[in-house]
């Protein structure tokens, strides 16, 4: 797979997040994908889990926008740093709890790594700065 194809698939995933389209994002995943996220105790392996995770962010931040700040592509792998903005105007499902909306805006940071196989994301590792986000939302002490 060439660099342009990896970038196209990565861009497609980011566009789905920015369009608030959980189904479109899930469509980028391979049938046998594995998605690990630092805020989820077990890897996600089903499209229903991936859809629920994605939709939880969209529900919590209805104006969510994600921007890739840096991206490195090597073979079938992409690594990126990102920033996300949004206002917490919906309930947030995290760690098995539902947290009521705070109405506060956030500017968050994160990183992800993805491996593309046959035009689909086979491995996805996401690292949102949930602690920084929680501080901005007033849900934990901050600096």
Protein backbone atom coordinates (compact mmCIF):
# COMPACT_ATOMS: atom_id res chain seq x y z
CA UNK A 1 0.00 0.00 0.00
CA UNK A 2 1.41 3.39 -0.91
CA UNK A 3 1.65 6.50 1.24
CA UNK A 4 -1.18 8.30 -0.55
CA UNK A 5 -3.59 5.42 0.13
CA UNK A 6 -2.69 5.34 3.84
CA UNK A 7 -3.17 9.12 4.05
CA UNK A 8 -6.50 8.87 2.19
CA UNK A 9 -7.84 6.30 4.65
CA UNK A 10 -6.57 8.34 7.61
CA UNK A 11 -8.19 11.50 6.20
CA UNK A 12 -11.43 9.57 5.66
CA UNK A 13 -11.48 8.60 9.35
CA UNK A 14 -10.84 12.17 10.52
CA UNK A 15 -13.54 13.48 8.16
CA UNK A 16 -16.03 11.03 9.69
CA UNK A 17 -15.26 12.32 13.20
CA UNK A 18 -15.66 15.93 12.04
CA UNK A 19 -18.94 15.07 10.30
CA UNK A 20 -20.11 13.41 13.55
CA UNK A 21 -20.74 10.23 11.59
CA UNK A 22 -19.93 7.22 13.79
CA UNK A 23 -21.05 4.80 11.06
CA UNK A 24 -18.68 6.35 8.51
CA UNK A 25 -15.80 6.04 10.97
CA UNK A 26 -16.66 2.42 11.76
CA UNK A 27 -16.70 1.74 8.00
CA UNK A 28 -12.95 2.48 7.93
CA UNK A 29 -12.29 -0.45 10.30
CA UNK A 30 -11.41 -3.97 9.13
CA UNK A 31 -13.78 -6.77 10.10
CA UNK A 32 -11.18 -8.19 12.50
CA UNK A 33 -9.79 -4.87 13.85
CA UNK A 34 -8.41 -4.31 17.35
CA UNK A 35 -8.79 -0.86 18.92
CA UNK A 36 -7.05 -0.04 22.19
CA UNK A 37 -7.70 3.24 23.96
CA UNK A 38 -6.16 4.44 27.21
CA UNK A 39 -9.60 5.27 28.61
CA UNK A 40 -11.13 1.85 27.91
CA UNK A 41 -10.11 -1.16 30.05
CA UNK A 42 -10.28 -3.79 27.29
CA UNK A 43 -9.53 -3.58 23.56
CA UNK A 44 -12.53 -2.99 21.33
CA UNK A 45 -13.00 -5.74 18.75
CA UNK A 46 -16.56 -5.28 17.53
CA UNK A 47 -17.99 -2.58 15.32
CA UNK A 48 -20.78 -2.07 17.86
CA UNK A 49 -18.17 -1.23 20.54
CA UNK A 50 -16.35 1.11 18.14
CA UNK A 51 -19.60 2.81 17.15
CA UNK A 52 -20.64 3.27 20.81
CA UNK A 53 -17.23 4.74 21.74
CA UNK A 54 -17.27 7.15 18.79
CA UNK A 55 -20.89 8.14 19.41
CA UNK A 56 -20.14 8.79 23.10
CA UNK A 57 -17.62 11.49 22.13
CA UNK A 58 -20.03 12.98 19.58
CA UNK A 59 -22.86 13.04 22.13
CA UNK A 60 -20.70 14.64 24.82
CA UNK A 61 -19.28 17.23 22.41
CA UNK A 62 -21.90 17.92 19.70
CA UNK A 63 -19.62 20.55 18.12
CA UNK A 64 -16.52 18.29 18.25
CA UNK A 65 -13.82 19.06 15.70
CA UNK A 66 -10.58 17.12 15.32
CA UNK A 67 -7.45 18.39 13.60
CA UNK A 68 -4.32 16.41 12.80
CA UNK A 69 -1.32 18.50 13.91
CA UNK A 70 1.48 16.13 12.84
CA UNK A 71 1.34 12.89 10.90
CA UNK A 72 4.00 10.33 10.04
CA UNK A 73 3.35 7.56 7.55
CA UNK A 74 5.70 4.60 7.28
CA UNK A 75 4.59 1.72 5.09
CA UNK A 76 1.14 0.63 6.24
CA UNK A 77 1.32 2.57 9.53
CA UNK A 78 0.29 6.10 10.43
CA UNK A 79 1.07 7.96 13.66
CA UNK A 80 -0.44 11.34 14.41
CA UNK A 81 -0.77 14.02 17.04
CA UNK A 82 -4.11 15.74 17.11
CA UNK A 83 -6.06 18.51 18.74
CA UNK A 84 -9.76 18.44 19.37
CA UNK A 85 -12.14 21.18 20.34
CA UNK A 86 -15.68 21.03 21.55
CA UNK A 87 -18.18 22.16 24.14
CA UNK A 88 -19.45 19.59 26.61
CA UNK A 89 -23.15 20.11 25.93
CA UNK A 90 -24.15 16.46 26.21
CA UNK A 91 -23.75 13.69 28.79
CA UNK A 92 -20.33 12.04 28.75
CA UNK A 93 -20.01 8.25 29.09
CA UNK A 94 -16.59 7.46 30.56
CA UNK A 95 -15.33 4.54 32.58
CA UNK A 96 -18.79 3.04 32.94
CA UNK A 97 -20.22 6.29 34.33
CA UNK A 98 -22.38 8.98 32.78
CA UNK A 99 -21.23 12.48 33.64
CA UNK A 100 -23.74 15.31 33.12
CA UNK A 101 -22.84 18.04 30.63
CA UNK A 102 -20.79 20.89 32.06
CA UNK A 103 -21.37 23.38 29.23
CA UNK A 104 -17.63 24.09 29.21
CA UNK A 105 -15.41 24.21 26.13
CA UNK A 106 -12.23 22.15 25.83
CA UNK A 107 -9.13 22.19 23.69
CA UNK A 108 -7.77 18.68 23.98
CA UNK A 109 -4.75 16.85 22.69
CA UNK A 110 -4.11 13.26 21.80
CA UNK A 111 -2.22 10.85 19.62
CA UNK A 112 -3.04 7.74 17.66
CA UNK A 113 -1.34 4.97 15.75
CA UNK A 114 -3.05 2.93 13.06
CA UNK A 115 -2.04 0.05 10.82
CA UNK A 116 -3.85 -0.28 7.51
CA UNK A 117 -4.36 -3.70 5.90
CA UNK A 118 -6.19 -4.14 2.58
CA UNK A 119 -7.55 -0.60 2.72
CA UNK A 120 -9.00 -0.84 6.24
CA UNK A 121 -7.76 0.00 9.76
CA UNK A 122 -6.70 -3.30 11.32
CA UNK A 123 -5.05 -1.92 14.46
CA UNK A 124 -5.92 1.37 16.11
CA UNK A 125 -4.32 2.72 19.29
CA UNK A 126 -5.70 6.00 20.67
CA UNK A 127 -4.34 8.16 23.46
CA UNK A 128 -6.66 11.10 24.26
CA UNK A 129 -5.52 13.36 27.09
CA UNK A 130 -8.56 12.61 29.21
CA UNK A 131 -6.98 14.05 32.38
CA UNK A 132 -6.36 17.39 30.68
CA UNK A 133 -9.89 17.36 29.32
CA UNK A 134 -11.36 16.59 32.75
CA UNK A 135 -9.39 19.49 34.27
CA UNK A 136 -10.78 21.88 31.64
CA UNK A 137 -14.30 20.63 32.35
CA UNK A 138 -13.82 21.32 36.09
CA UNK A 139 -14.21 17.63 36.94
CA UNK A 140 -10.80 17.28 38.58
CA UNK A 141 -8.25 19.69 40.03
CA UNK A 142 -6.02 21.37 37.48
CA UNK A 143 -3.00 23.54 37.35
